[in-house]
Structure formats: C-alpha cells, structure tokens
C-alpha cells in the first residue's frame, strides 16, 4: 500500500491488480486496465503523484494521468521483480530488485547504482534530506553518497540481518532485523541502539514511521498485531487490540495522519 501527496490511497493485490481510493478507503476502484498481469508486488507514489508498480512477471509500470506505461528501459532483459521502491521529495525514484540490485529512474531510463553495495539487499528508504539508504541482510545498513559509492552507516549491530528500514524526521534511522530485533542510529553514524524491549520474540513484517516520529511494526505470525512506539522505540504498546485478523503485511500513512494497513 502507499498514499500519495493528494491523500489518494493505492493497494496492490496479488490476484486482482491495483485499487485506488479517493475517499480514505470508503470506496475502491480497480485501476488495473492496461497492466499486463494481475499480481502487484510493490506500489509507490512519487511526489508528482505518478504511481509506480512492480508487476508479477512484467517488470515495472507507471501510471500517469490514468494511463499505464511500461518503464523497463535500462533494466536487464527478462522480468525484473521488485522488492522495494523509494521516492524523494524532488520526484526521484529508486528501485531494488529481488536480486538486491539498486536502480535509479531519471524519468526515461533506469541506471544501475548497486556499485559496491554488498549482496542480499532487502529494502530501500529515503530520508527527509533525500539521502538513500539500503538494508542488507547479513551486512547492516548502507548510505548512498550520490556518486557511485555506498558507505556503511554506524558501528556493527548486534544483529545485522536487516530486512526493513524507516527514517524519521528526527534524523534517526530504524532498522528491522530478523528474530524481532529493532535498532536505531543517528543518520550521522555511531552506535546502533537495540529497541526491541516489549516486542514479542517473533519476526516482523514491516516498520514505518509517521510525521510525529511514531514507530509502527507488525508481527508476522498468529493474530494480527501492530505495535507502536511514541518515544523513539524505548517502549512499545499494541495499537490493534480491538482488531482480530491475520497478520498485517503492509502499512501506509498519509499526510493528513490517516493510517492504512492490510492483512
């Protein structure tokens, strides 16, 4: 799921394409006409409200003013499967494939910027300052310097099997690792502080942060539960105790502070 700057909500489904809501989820319209298949792996809305999707087996497509077009120019031949997309305030878009390769979209062509990033990349995130970060399984968190080099951020983690990232407006980056380990570090580097106390000892599906720097994570097994921290990860509380469903697999937060999650 993702929410555009116009507060329109988009949800990618694994068998029915992509849906759009213009009224905060009260009604949904399928906007998949023109896409080559019905499995959506990832959706991201750029700052100009263009919608990027990674399809099941036909690479990437972009929706501009209601029309879908293929945007696989510059990618390897064959189907590139998307594991992460991340946009910046000036309209730049970055993509990570399931192979861990990282690409930059300039509006016409994708350029491979993987360079010295270690293998097993899992996710991308962009900070408020426009800096790109990558989560790498078994190697920690890396920052892109904008000129063909990735630099490891911070000191060695106690668990560097990073699978998801979130960057707050408080200049703090949060890393979600396997076995429910969550860490935080200032974007300038230093030590990674563990902030998992109060979370169950199971793997998590996602981590995200809102404009108030409140953190949200979800457990990957059992009853669907989302945990929230209002104090930089020092303590956690369940915020879905009145919802009984399967585990939550996605979350999106709008500029008007509406929070959407899919189970």
C-alpha atoms as a PDB file:
ATOM      1  CA  UNK A   1       0.000   0.000   0.000  1.00  0.00           C
ATOM      2  CA  UNK A   2       1.002   3.632  -0.443  1.00  0.00           C
ATOM      3  CA  UNK A   3      -0.610   7.082  -0.137  1.00  0.00           C
ATOM      4  CA  UNK A   4       0.100   9.977  -2.491  1.00  0.00           C
ATOM      5  CA  UNK A   5       0.582  13.613  -1.534  1.00  0.00           C
ATOM      6  CA  UNK A   6      -3.031  14.136  -2.649  1.00  0.00           C
ATOM      7  CA  UNK A   7      -4.085  11.571   0.035  1.00  0.00           C
ATOM      8  CA  UNK A   8      -5.292   9.052  -2.567  1.00  0.00           C
ATOM      9  CA  UNK A   9      -4.654   5.502  -1.335  1.00  0.00           C
ATOM     10  CA  UNK A  10      -3.335   2.667  -3.517  1.00  0.00           C
ATOM     11  CA  UNK A  11      -3.430  -1.034  -2.674  1.00  0.00           C
ATOM     12  CA  UNK A  12      -1.712  -3.726  -4.705  1.00  0.00           C
ATOM     13  CA  UNK A  13      -3.372  -7.161  -4.660  1.00  0.00           C
ATOM     14  CA  UNK A  14      -1.756 -10.472  -5.565  1.00  0.00           C
ATOM     15  CA  UNK A  15      -4.532 -11.629  -7.874  1.00  0.00           C
ATOM     16  CA  UNK A  16      -6.655  -8.595  -8.860  1.00  0.00           C
ATOM     17  CA  UNK A  17      -4.192  -5.854  -9.739  1.00  0.00           C
ATOM     18  CA  UNK A  18      -4.232  -2.432  -8.103  1.00  0.00           C
ATOM     19  CA  UNK A  19      -7.016  -0.459  -6.457  1.00  0.00           C
ATOM     20  CA  UNK A  20      -7.358   3.259  -5.734  1.00  0.00           C
ATOM     21  CA  UNK A  21      -9.422   5.087  -3.130  1.00  0.00           C
ATOM     22  CA  UNK A  22     -10.084   8.832  -3.278  1.00  0.00           C
ATOM     23  CA  UNK A  23     -12.177   8.891  -0.085  1.00  0.00           C
ATOM     24  CA  UNK A  24      -9.888   7.442   2.600  1.00  0.00           C
ATOM     25  CA  UNK A  25     -10.776   3.850   1.841  1.00  0.00           C
ATOM     26  CA  UNK A  26     -14.568   4.099   1.948  1.00  0.00           C
ATOM     27  CA  UNK A  27     -14.795   3.061  -1.698  1.00  0.00           C
ATOM     28  CA  UNK A  28     -12.231   1.494  -4.038  1.00  0.00           C
ATOM     29  CA  UNK A  29     -11.874   1.404  -7.809  1.00  0.00           C
ATOM     30  CA  UNK A  30      -9.789  -1.122  -9.715  1.00  0.00           C
ATOM     31  CA  UNK A  31      -7.390   0.843 -11.947  1.00  0.00           C
ATOM     32  CA  UNK A  32      -5.578  -2.167 -13.437  1.00  0.00           C
ATOM     33  CA  UNK A  33      -6.736  -1.692 -17.032  1.00  0.00           C
ATOM     34  CA  UNK A  34      -3.599  -1.562 -19.187  1.00  0.00           C
ATOM     35  CA  UNK A  35      -1.404  -3.652 -16.888  1.00  0.00           C
ATOM     36  CA  UNK A  36      -0.073  -6.957 -18.309  1.00  0.00           C
ATOM     37  CA  UNK A  37      -0.815  -9.132 -15.271  1.00  0.00           C
ATOM     38  CA  UNK A  38      -2.854  -9.070 -12.089  1.00  0.00           C
ATOM     39  CA  UNK A  39      -0.169  -9.590  -9.427  1.00  0.00           C
ATOM     40  CA  UNK A  40       1.242  -6.403  -7.901  1.00  0.00           C
ATOM     41  CA  UNK A  41       4.428  -6.881  -5.886  1.00  0.00           C
ATOM     42  CA  UNK A  42       5.018  -3.284  -4.823  1.00  0.00           C
ATOM     43  CA  UNK A  43       3.416   0.154  -5.211  1.00  0.00           C
ATOM     44  CA  UNK A  44       4.949   3.587  -4.628  1.00  0.00           C
ATOM     45  CA  UNK A  45       3.551   7.042  -5.373  1.00  0.00           C
ATOM     46  CA  UNK A  46       6.066   9.697  -6.426  1.00  0.00           C
ATOM     47  CA  UNK A  47       5.964  13.302  -5.235  1.00  0.00           C
ATOM     48  CA  UNK A  48       4.275  14.289  -8.518  1.00  0.00           C
ATOM     49  CA  UNK A  49       1.572  11.624  -7.850  1.00  0.00           C
ATOM     50  CA  UNK A  50       2.775   9.296 -10.606  1.00  0.00           C
ATOM     51  CA  UNK A  51       2.172   5.716  -9.471  1.00  0.00           C
ATOM     52  CA  UNK A  52       4.934   3.110  -9.837  1.00  0.00           C
ATOM     53  CA  UNK A  53       4.165  -0.607  -9.558  1.00  0.00           C
ATOM     54  CA  UNK A  54       6.233  -3.753  -9.743  1.00  0.00           C
ATOM     55  CA  UNK A  55       4.177  -6.413 -11.512  1.00  0.00           C
ATOM     56  CA  UNK A  56       4.196 -10.148 -11.054  1.00  0.00           C
ATOM     57  CA  UNK A  57       6.173 -11.030 -14.175  1.00  0.00           C
ATOM     58  CA  UNK A  58       6.354  -7.999 -16.490  1.00  0.00           C
ATOM     59  CA  UNK A  59       8.659  -5.623 -14.650  1.00  0.00           C
ATOM     60  CA  UNK A  60       7.718  -2.042 -13.778  1.00  0.00           C
ATOM     61  CA  UNK A  61       4.849   0.135 -14.921  1.00  0.00           C
ATOM     62  CA  UNK A  62       3.952   3.753 -14.275  1.00  0.00           C
ATOM     63  CA  UNK A  63       0.547   5.402 -14.153  1.00  0.00           C
ATOM     64  CA  UNK A  64       0.490   8.999 -15.309  1.00  0.00           C
ATOM     65  CA  UNK A  65      -2.883  10.762 -15.569  1.00  0.00           C
ATOM     66  CA  UNK A  66      -4.783   7.470 -15.607  1.00  0.00           C
ATOM     67  CA  UNK A  67      -2.744   5.599 -18.215  1.00  0.00           C
ATOM     68  CA  UNK A  68      -0.264   2.770 -17.590  1.00  0.00           C
ATOM     69  CA  UNK A  69       3.011   2.501 -19.486  1.00  0.00           C
ATOM     70  CA  UNK A  70       5.953   0.119 -19.282  1.00  0.00           C
ATOM     71  CA  UNK A  71       9.081   1.690 -17.752  1.00  0.00           C
ATOM     72  CA  UNK A  72      11.613  -1.130 -18.081  1.00  0.00           C
ATOM     73  CA  UNK A  73      14.088   0.846 -20.175  1.00  0.00           C
ATOM     74  CA  UNK A  74      17.610   0.256 -18.867  1.00  0.00           C
ATOM     75  CA  UNK A  75      16.737  -2.873 -16.889  1.00  0.00           C
ATOM     76  CA  UNK A  76      18.163  -6.318 -17.709  1.00  0.00           C
ATOM     77  CA  UNK A  77      16.277  -8.324 -20.302  1.00  0.00           C
ATOM     78  CA  UNK A  78      13.622 -10.574 -18.870  1.00  0.00           C
ATOM     79  CA  UNK A  79      11.431  -9.903 -15.876  1.00  0.00           C
ATOM     80  CA  UNK A  80      12.842  -7.779 -13.045  1.00  0.00           C
ATOM     81  CA  UNK A  81      10.990  -8.442  -9.804  1.00  0.00           C
ATOM     82  CA  UNK A  82      10.699  -5.532  -7.383  1.00  0.00           C
ATOM     83  CA  UNK A  83      11.282  -5.864  -3.661  1.00  0.00           C
ATOM     84  CA  UNK A  84      11.381  -2.145  -2.788  1.00  0.00           C
ATOM     85  CA  UNK A  85      10.699   1.314  -4.227  1.00  0.00           C
ATOM     86  CA  UNK A  86      11.589   4.636  -2.594  1.00  0.00           C
ATOM     87  CA  UNK A  87      10.898   8.172  -3.771  1.00  0.00           C
ATOM     88  CA  UNK A  88      12.310  11.573  -2.868  1.00  0.00           C
ATOM     89  CA  UNK A  89      10.687  14.982  -2.493  1.00  0.00           C
ATOM     90  CA  UNK A  90      12.042  16.143  -5.875  1.00  0.00           C
ATOM     91  CA  UNK A  91      10.483  13.239  -7.778  1.00  0.00           C
ATOM     92  CA  UNK A  92      13.465  10.889  -7.965  1.00  0.00           C
ATOM     93  CA  UNK A  93      12.628   7.184  -7.715  1.00  0.00           C
ATOM     94  CA  UNK A  94      14.835   4.306  -6.638  1.00  0.00           C
ATOM     95  CA  UNK A  95      14.140   0.592  -7.021  1.00  0.00           C
ATOM     96  CA  UNK A  96      15.638  -2.565  -5.510  1.00  0.00           C
ATOM     97  CA  UNK A  97      15.088  -5.870  -7.261  1.00  0.00           C
ATOM     98  CA  UNK A  98      14.719  -9.225  -5.553  1.00  0.00           C
ATOM     99  CA  UNK A  99      18.349  -9.913  -6.535  1.00  0.00           C
ATOM    100  CA  UNK A 100      19.490  -6.934  -4.419  1.00  0.00           C
ATOM    101  CA  UNK A 101      20.382  -4.693  -7.378  1.00  0.00           C
ATOM    102  CA  UNK A 102      19.561  -0.980  -6.946  1.00  0.00           C
ATOM    103  CA  UNK A 103      18.439   1.270  -9.814  1.00  0.00           C
ATOM    104  CA  UNK A 104      17.726   4.986 -10.249  1.00  0.00           C
ATOM    105  CA  UNK A 105      14.928   6.281 -12.519  1.00  0.00           C
ATOM    106  CA  UNK A 106      15.503   9.662 -14.177  1.00  0.00           C
ATOM    107  CA  UNK A 107      12.160   9.739 -15.945  1.00  0.00           C
ATOM    108  CA  UNK A 108      13.370   7.942 -19.047  1.00  0.00           C
ATOM    109  CA  UNK A 109      15.761   5.145 -18.116  1.00  0.00           C
ATOM    110  CA  UNK A 110      16.865   3.062 -15.125  1.00  0.00           C
ATOM    111  CA  UNK A 111      20.544   3.256 -14.150  1.00  0.00           C
ATOM    112  CA  UNK A 112      22.177   0.571 -12.034  1.00  0.00           C
ATOM    113  CA  UNK A 113      23.693   2.186  -8.915  1.00  0.00           C
ATOM    114  CA  UNK A 114      24.421  -1.029  -6.988  1.00  0.00           C
ATOM    115  CA  UNK A 115      28.183  -0.480  -7.312  1.00  0.00           C
ATOM    116  CA  UNK A 116      29.891  -1.605  -4.071  1.00  0.00           C
ATOM    117  CA  UNK A 117      26.694  -2.405  -2.132  1.00  0.00           C
ATOM    118  CA  UNK A 118      27.027  -5.927  -0.659  1.00  0.00           C
ATOM    119  CA  UNK A 119      24.778  -8.680  -1.955  1.00  0.00           C
ATOM    120  CA  UNK A 120      21.484  -9.666  -0.286  1.00  0.00           C
ATOM    121  CA  UNK A 121      19.893  -6.215  -0.367  1.00  0.00           C
ATOM    122  CA  UNK A 122      16.393  -6.290   1.106  1.00  0.00           C
ATOM    123  CA  UNK A 123      14.875  -2.783   1.215  1.00  0.00           C
ATOM    124  CA  UNK A 124      15.330   0.924   0.452  1.00  0.00           C
ATOM    125  CA  UNK A 125      14.330   4.056   2.351  1.00  0.00           C
ATOM    126  CA  UNK A 126      14.848   7.774   1.737  1.00  0.00           C
ATOM    127  CA  UNK A 127      15.342  10.347   4.479  1.00  0.00           C
ATOM    128  CA  UNK A 128      13.850  13.837   4.602  1.00  0.00           C
ATOM    129  CA  UNK A 129      17.174  15.151   3.284  1.00  0.00           C
ATOM    130  CA  UNK A 130      16.824  12.990   0.150  1.00  0.00           C
ATOM    131  CA  UNK A 131      19.609  10.557   1.101  1.00  0.00           C
ATOM    132  CA  UNK A 132      19.063   6.945   0.030  1.00  0.00           C
ATOM    133  CA  UNK A 133      19.593   4.076   2.487  1.00  0.00           C
ATOM    134  CA  UNK A 134      19.667   0.331   1.880  1.00  0.00           C
ATOM    135  CA  UNK A 135      19.015  -2.596   4.200  1.00  0.00           C
ATOM    136  CA  UNK A 136      21.349  -5.508   3.512  1.00  0.00           C
ATOM    137  CA  UNK A 137      20.816  -8.963   5.009  1.00  0.00           C
ATOM    138  CA  UNK A 138      23.923 -10.007   6.966  1.00  0.00           C
ATOM    139  CA  UNK A 139      25.706  -6.701   6.261  1.00  0.00           C
ATOM    140  CA  UNK A 140      23.759  -3.907   8.018  1.00  0.00           C
ATOM    141  CA  UNK A 141      22.620  -0.524   6.695  1.00  0.00           C
ATOM    142  CA  UNK A 142      24.312   1.432   3.914  1.00  0.00           C
ATOM    143  CA  UNK A 143      24.021   5.053   2.788  1.00  0.00           C
ATOM    144  CA  UNK A 144      24.415   6.137  -0.839  1.00  0.00           C
ATOM    145  CA  UNK A 145      26.684   9.149  -1.287  1.00  0.00           C
ATOM    146  CA  UNK A 146      25.108  10.114  -4.606  1.00  0.00           C
ATOM    147  CA  UNK A 147      28.245   9.450  -6.612  1.00  0.00           C
ATOM    148  CA  UNK A 148      28.579   5.707  -7.095  1.00  0.00           C
ATOM    149  CA  UNK A 149      29.592   4.704  -3.563  1.00  0.00           C
ATOM    150  CA  UNK A 150      27.758   3.063  -0.663  1.00  0.00           C
ATOM    151  CA  UNK A 151      29.037   3.669   2.873  1.00  0.00           C
ATOM    152  CA  UNK A 152      28.123   1.517   5.851  1.00  0.00           C
ATOM    153  CA  UNK A 153      26.145   3.522   8.410  1.00  0.00           C
ATOM    154  CA  UNK A 154      27.089   3.282  12.061  1.00  0.00           C
ATOM    155  CA  UNK A 155      29.023   0.719  14.033  1.00  0.00           C
ATOM    156  CA  UNK A 156      28.490  -3.049  13.983  1.00  0.00           C
ATOM    157  CA  UNK A 157      24.984  -4.147  15.014  1.00  0.00           C
ATOM    158  CA  UNK A 158      24.326  -6.993  17.426  1.00  0.00           C
ATOM    159  CA  UNK A 159      22.161  -8.386  14.607  1.00  0.00           C
ATOM    160  CA  UNK A 160      22.914  -7.096  11.116  1.00  0.00           C
ATOM    161  CA  UNK A 161      20.420  -9.265   9.222  1.00  0.00           C
ATOM    162  CA  UNK A 162      18.418  -6.170   8.223  1.00  0.00           C
ATOM    163  CA  UNK A 163      15.175  -6.636   6.284  1.00  0.00           C
ATOM    164  CA  UNK A 164      13.356  -3.262   6.539  1.00  0.00           C
ATOM    165  CA  UNK A 165      14.193   0.409   7.170  1.00  0.00           C
ATOM    166  CA  UNK A 166      12.448   3.601   8.263  1.00  0.00           C
ATOM    167  CA  UNK A 167      13.910   7.111   8.507  1.00  0.00           C
ATOM    168  CA  UNK A 168      12.369   9.691  10.830  1.00  0.00           C
ATOM    169  CA  UNK A 169      12.274  13.475  10.611  1.00  0.00           C
ATOM    170  CA  UNK A 170      14.293  13.374  13.852  1.00  0.00           C
ATOM    171  CA  UNK A 171      17.375  12.347  11.810  1.00  0.00           C
ATOM    172  CA  UNK A 172      17.160   8.822  13.208  1.00  0.00           C
ATOM    173  CA  UNK A 173      17.137   5.657  11.121  1.00  0.00           C
ATOM    174  CA  UNK A 174      15.427   2.489  12.355  1.00  0.00           C
ATOM    175  CA  UNK A 175      16.455  -0.983  11.219  1.00  0.00           C
ATOM    176  CA  UNK A 176      14.201  -4.028  11.480  1.00  0.00           C
ATOM    177  CA  UNK A 177      16.189  -7.276  11.578  1.00  0.00           C
ATOM    178  CA  UNK A 178      15.195 -10.909  11.735  1.00  0.00           C
ATOM    179  CA  UNK A 179      14.214 -12.501  15.088  1.00  0.00           C
ATOM    180  CA  UNK A 180      12.314  -9.312  16.131  1.00  0.00           C
ATOM    181  CA  UNK A 181      15.480  -7.239  16.613  1.00  0.00           C
ATOM    182  CA  UNK A 182      14.943  -3.499  16.075  1.00  0.00           C
ATOM    183  CA  UNK A 183      17.738  -0.911  16.275  1.00  0.00           C
ATOM    184  CA  UNK A 184      18.091   2.844  15.925  1.00  0.00           C
ATOM    185  CA  UNK A 185      21.022   5.044  14.944  1.00  0.00           C
ATOM    186  CA  UNK A 186      21.529   8.723  14.107  1.00  0.00           C
ATOM    187  CA  UNK A 187      21.995   9.334  10.386  1.00  0.00           C
ATOM    188  CA  UNK A 188      25.473  10.712  11.179  1.00  0.00           C
ATOM    189  CA  UNK A 189      26.513   7.259  12.421  1.00  0.00           C
ATOM    190  CA  UNK A 190      27.647   5.920  15.785  1.00  0.00           C
ATOM    191  CA  UNK A 191      26.233   3.032  17.779  1.00  0.00           C
ATOM    192  CA  UNK A 192      23.081   1.110  16.884  1.00  0.00           C
ATOM    193  CA  UNK A 193      20.880   1.042  19.990  1.00  0.00           C
ATOM    194  CA  UNK A 194      18.616  -2.017  20.445  1.00  0.00           C
ATOM    195  CA  UNK A 195      14.959  -1.044  20.951  1.00  0.00           C
ATOM    196  CA  UNK A 196      13.173  -4.402  20.997  1.00  0.00           C
ATOM    197  CA  UNK A 197      12.104  -4.476  24.672  1.00  0.00           C
ATOM    198  CA  UNK A 198       8.341  -5.017  24.811  1.00  0.00           C
ATOM    199  CA  UNK A 199       8.075  -6.684  21.398  1.00  0.00           C
ATOM    200  CA  UNK A 200       7.279 -10.417  21.064  1.00  0.00           C
ATOM    201  CA  UNK A 201      10.083 -12.768  20.083  1.00  0.00           C
ATOM    202  CA  UNK A 202       8.878 -13.350  16.525  1.00  0.00           C
ATOM    203  CA  UNK A 203       9.801 -11.940  13.130  1.00  0.00           C
ATOM    204  CA  UNK A 204       8.170  -8.709  11.965  1.00  0.00           C
ATOM    205  CA  UNK A 205       6.643  -7.821   8.586  1.00  0.00           C
ATOM    206  CA  UNK A 206       7.264  -4.078   8.386  1.00  0.00           C
ATOM    207  CA  UNK A 207       8.471  -0.962  10.137  1.00  0.00           C
ATOM    208  CA  UNK A 208       7.302   2.555   9.324  1.00  0.00           C
ATOM    209  CA  UNK A 209       7.219   5.975  10.925  1.00  0.00           C
ATOM    210  CA  UNK A 210       4.750   8.870  10.735  1.00  0.00           C
ATOM    211  CA  UNK A 211       5.268  12.643  10.717  1.00  0.00           C
ATOM    212  CA  UNK A 212       5.176  12.659  14.528  1.00  0.00           C
ATOM    213  CA  UNK A 213       8.021  10.102  14.607  1.00  0.00           C
ATOM    214  CA  UNK A 214       5.778   7.381  15.993  1.00  0.00           C
ATOM    215  CA  UNK A 215       7.054   3.932  15.018  1.00  0.00           C
ATOM    216  CA  UNK A 216       4.873   1.016  13.870  1.00  0.00           C
ATOM    217  CA  UNK A 217       5.849  -2.648  13.459  1.00  0.00           C
ATOM    218  CA  UNK A 218       3.755  -5.776  12.871  1.00  0.00           C
ATOM    219  CA  UNK A 219       4.247  -9.381  13.951  1.00  0.00           C
ATOM    220  CA  UNK A 220       4.444 -11.951  11.176  1.00  0.00           C
ATOM    221  CA  UNK A 221       2.610 -14.860  12.811  1.00  0.00           C
ATOM    222  CA  UNK A 222      -0.546 -15.567  14.783  1.00  0.00           C
ATOM    223  CA  UNK A 223      -3.221 -12.923  15.365  1.00  0.00           C
ATOM    224  CA  UNK A 224      -2.598  -9.690  13.535  1.00  0.00           C
ATOM    225  CA  UNK A 225      -0.979  -7.187  15.887  1.00  0.00           C
ATOM    226  CA  UNK A 226       0.675  -3.838  15.232  1.00  0.00           C
ATOM    227  CA  UNK A 227       2.911  -2.352  17.898  1.00  0.00           C
ATOM    228  CA  UNK A 228       3.506   1.379  18.255  1.00  0.00           C
ATOM    229  CA  UNK A 229       6.214   3.391  19.991  1.00  0.00           C
ATOM    230  CA  UNK A 230       5.748   7.063  20.818  1.00  0.00           C
ATOM    231  CA  UNK A 231       9.198   7.508  22.368  1.00  0.00           C
ATOM    232  CA  UNK A 232      11.782   6.549  19.753  1.00  0.00           C
ATOM    233  CA  UNK A 233      11.450   2.831  20.452  1.00  0.00           C
ATOM    234  CA  UNK A 234      12.116   2.957  24.192  1.00  0.00           C
ATOM    235  CA  UNK A 235       8.730   1.328  24.909  1.00  0.00           C
ATOM    236  CA  UNK A 236       6.089  -0.368  22.754  1.00  0.00           C
ATOM    237  CA  UNK A 237       2.334  -0.895  23.001  1.00  0.00           C
ATOM    238  CA  UNK A 238      -0.219  -2.785  20.929  1.00  0.00           C
ATOM    239  CA  UNK A 239      -2.455  -0.440  18.944  1.00  0.00           C
ATOM    240  CA  UNK A 240      -4.681  -3.101  17.315  1.00  0.00           C
ATOM    241  CA  UNK A 241      -6.119  -4.872  20.355  1.00  0.00           C
ATOM    242  CA  UNK A 242      -9.684  -4.393  19.065  1.00  0.00           C
ATOM    243  CA  UNK A 243      -8.928  -5.935  15.649  1.00  0.00           C
ATOM    244  CA  UNK A 244      -8.886  -9.702  15.195  1.00  0.00           C
ATOM    245  CA  UNK A 245      -7.443 -10.752  11.864  1.00  0.00           C
ATOM    246  CA  UNK A 246      -4.488 -12.441  10.201  1.00  0.00           C
ATOM    247  CA  UNK A 247      -1.040 -10.767  10.414  1.00  0.00           C
ATOM    248  CA  UNK A 248      -0.742  -7.322   8.871  1.00  0.00           C
ATOM    249  CA  UNK A 249       1.577  -7.344   5.864  1.00  0.00           C
ATOM    250  CA  UNK A 250       1.558  -3.710   4.742  1.00  0.00           C
ATOM    251  CA  UNK A 251       1.032  -0.213   6.103  1.00  0.00           C
ATOM    252  CA  UNK A 252       0.770   3.295   4.648  1.00  0.00           C
ATOM    253  CA  UNK A 253       0.441   6.712   6.285  1.00  0.00           C
ATOM    254  CA  UNK A 254      -0.989   9.824   4.645  1.00  0.00           C
ATOM    255  CA  UNK A 255      -0.021  13.466   5.142  1.00  0.00           C
ATOM    256  CA  UNK A 256      -3.297  14.005   6.995  1.00  0.00           C
ATOM    257  CA  UNK A 257      -2.238  11.344   9.531  1.00  0.00           C
ATOM    258  CA  UNK A 258      -4.557   8.585   8.369  1.00  0.00           C
ATOM    259  CA  UNK A 259      -3.009   5.138   8.821  1.00  0.00           C
ATOM    260  CA  UNK A 260      -3.938   2.267   6.468  1.00  0.00           C
ATOM    261  CA  UNK A 261      -2.927  -1.349   6.897  1.00  0.00           C
ATOM    262  CA  UNK A 262      -3.623  -4.555   5.007  1.00  0.00           C
ATOM    263  CA  UNK A 263      -3.934  -8.055   6.476  1.00  0.00           C
END
